[in-house]
Protein backbone atom coordinates (compact mmCIF):
# COMPACT_ATOMS: atom_id res chain seq x y z
CA MET A 1 37.80 104.46 150.84
CA ALA A 2 39.14 106.75 148.14
CA ASP A 3 37.97 109.77 150.17
CA VAL A 4 39.96 108.53 153.17
CA LEU A 5 43.09 108.03 151.09
CA ASP A 6 42.69 111.44 149.45
CA GLY A 7 42.31 113.02 152.89
CA LEU A 8 45.37 111.22 154.20
CA ALA A 9 47.39 112.27 151.14
CA SER A 10 46.34 115.86 151.72
CA LEU A 11 47.50 115.71 155.35
CA VAL A 12 50.84 114.20 154.30
CA ASP A 13 51.30 116.92 151.66
CA LYS A 14 50.74 119.53 154.38
CA SER A 15 53.22 117.76 156.72
CA LEU A 16 50.52 117.15 159.34
CA VAL A 17 50.98 113.37 159.41
CA ARG A 18 53.82 111.07 158.44
CA ALA A 19 54.36 107.40 157.81
CA VAL A 20 55.70 105.53 160.83
CA ASP A 21 59.30 104.52 160.16
CA GLY A 22 59.11 102.54 156.94
CA GLN A 23 55.54 101.31 157.41
CA ASP A 24 53.14 102.27 154.64
CA ASP A 25 50.08 101.25 156.65
CA ARG A 26 50.82 103.14 159.90
CA TRP A 27 50.58 106.89 160.21
CA ALA A 28 51.41 109.29 163.03
CA MET A 29 50.01 112.74 163.62
CA LEU A 30 52.50 115.35 164.75
CA GLU A 31 52.23 115.71 168.53
CA THR A 32 51.49 119.45 168.42
CA ILE A 33 48.66 118.87 165.94
CA ARG A 34 47.27 116.04 168.08
CA GLU A 35 47.36 118.22 171.20
CA PHE A 36 45.63 121.10 169.40
CA ALA A 37 42.96 118.78 168.00
CA LEU A 38 42.32 117.26 171.43
CA GLU A 39 41.94 120.73 172.98
CA GLU A 40 39.49 121.75 170.25
CA LEU A 41 37.53 118.52 170.70
CA GLU A 42 37.31 119.03 174.47
CA GLN A 43 36.09 122.61 173.98
CA SER A 44 33.44 121.48 171.49
CA GLY A 45 31.74 119.37 174.14
CA GLU A 46 31.77 116.33 171.83
CA ALA A 47 34.87 114.59 173.20
CA GLU A 48 33.04 111.83 175.09
CA GLU A 49 30.79 111.04 172.12
CA VAL A 50 33.82 110.80 169.82
CA ARG A 51 35.68 108.58 172.29
CA ARG A 52 32.71 106.19 172.46
CA SER A 53 32.38 106.14 168.68
CA VAL A 54 36.08 105.43 168.13
CA THR A 55 36.07 102.77 170.82
CA ASN A 56 33.10 101.02 169.21
CA LYS A 57 34.62 101.17 165.73
CA VAL A 58 37.91 99.75 166.94
CA THR A 59 36.81 97.14 169.45
CA VAL A 60 33.57 95.74 168.01
CA PRO A 61 35.11 94.47 164.73
CA CYS A 62 37.80 92.77 166.81
CA GLY A 63 35.16 90.90 168.79
CA ARG A 64 36.12 92.62 172.03
CA SER A 65 33.98 94.28 174.63
CA THR A 66 33.22 97.94 174.08
CA HIS A 67 34.07 98.60 177.73
CA VAL A 68 37.27 100.63 178.05
CA SER A 69 39.04 100.49 181.40
CA ARG A 70 40.78 103.84 180.95
CA PRO A 71 39.95 107.01 179.04
CA LEU A 72 41.29 107.39 175.52
CA GLN A 73 43.48 110.35 176.46
CA ALA A 74 45.19 108.21 179.12
CA ILE A 75 46.50 105.81 176.50
CA THR A 76 50.14 106.54 175.80
CA PRO A 77 50.77 107.23 172.11
CA ALA A 78 53.35 105.24 170.22
CA PRO A 79 56.69 106.96 169.63
CA GLY A 80 56.20 109.57 166.95
CA GLY A 81 52.52 110.20 167.65
CA PHE A 82 49.17 108.56 168.08
């Protein structure tokens, strides 16, 4: 967990992510960075594998089905980023 927090702190220091309006536990990636990262992921050929992995990590602990009715990129990000 310390590695994750160190990584997040590094991204904040570089102005690549920011806290969502007064919430210490929600973070938003700058839209241009998110778009660049998505393009790089698509070009790597690993996008579908990453989408499945993220879906499983998010939905399984919540006790929900791992079936997603729409692709991850079709999900509208919250104001200020994803």
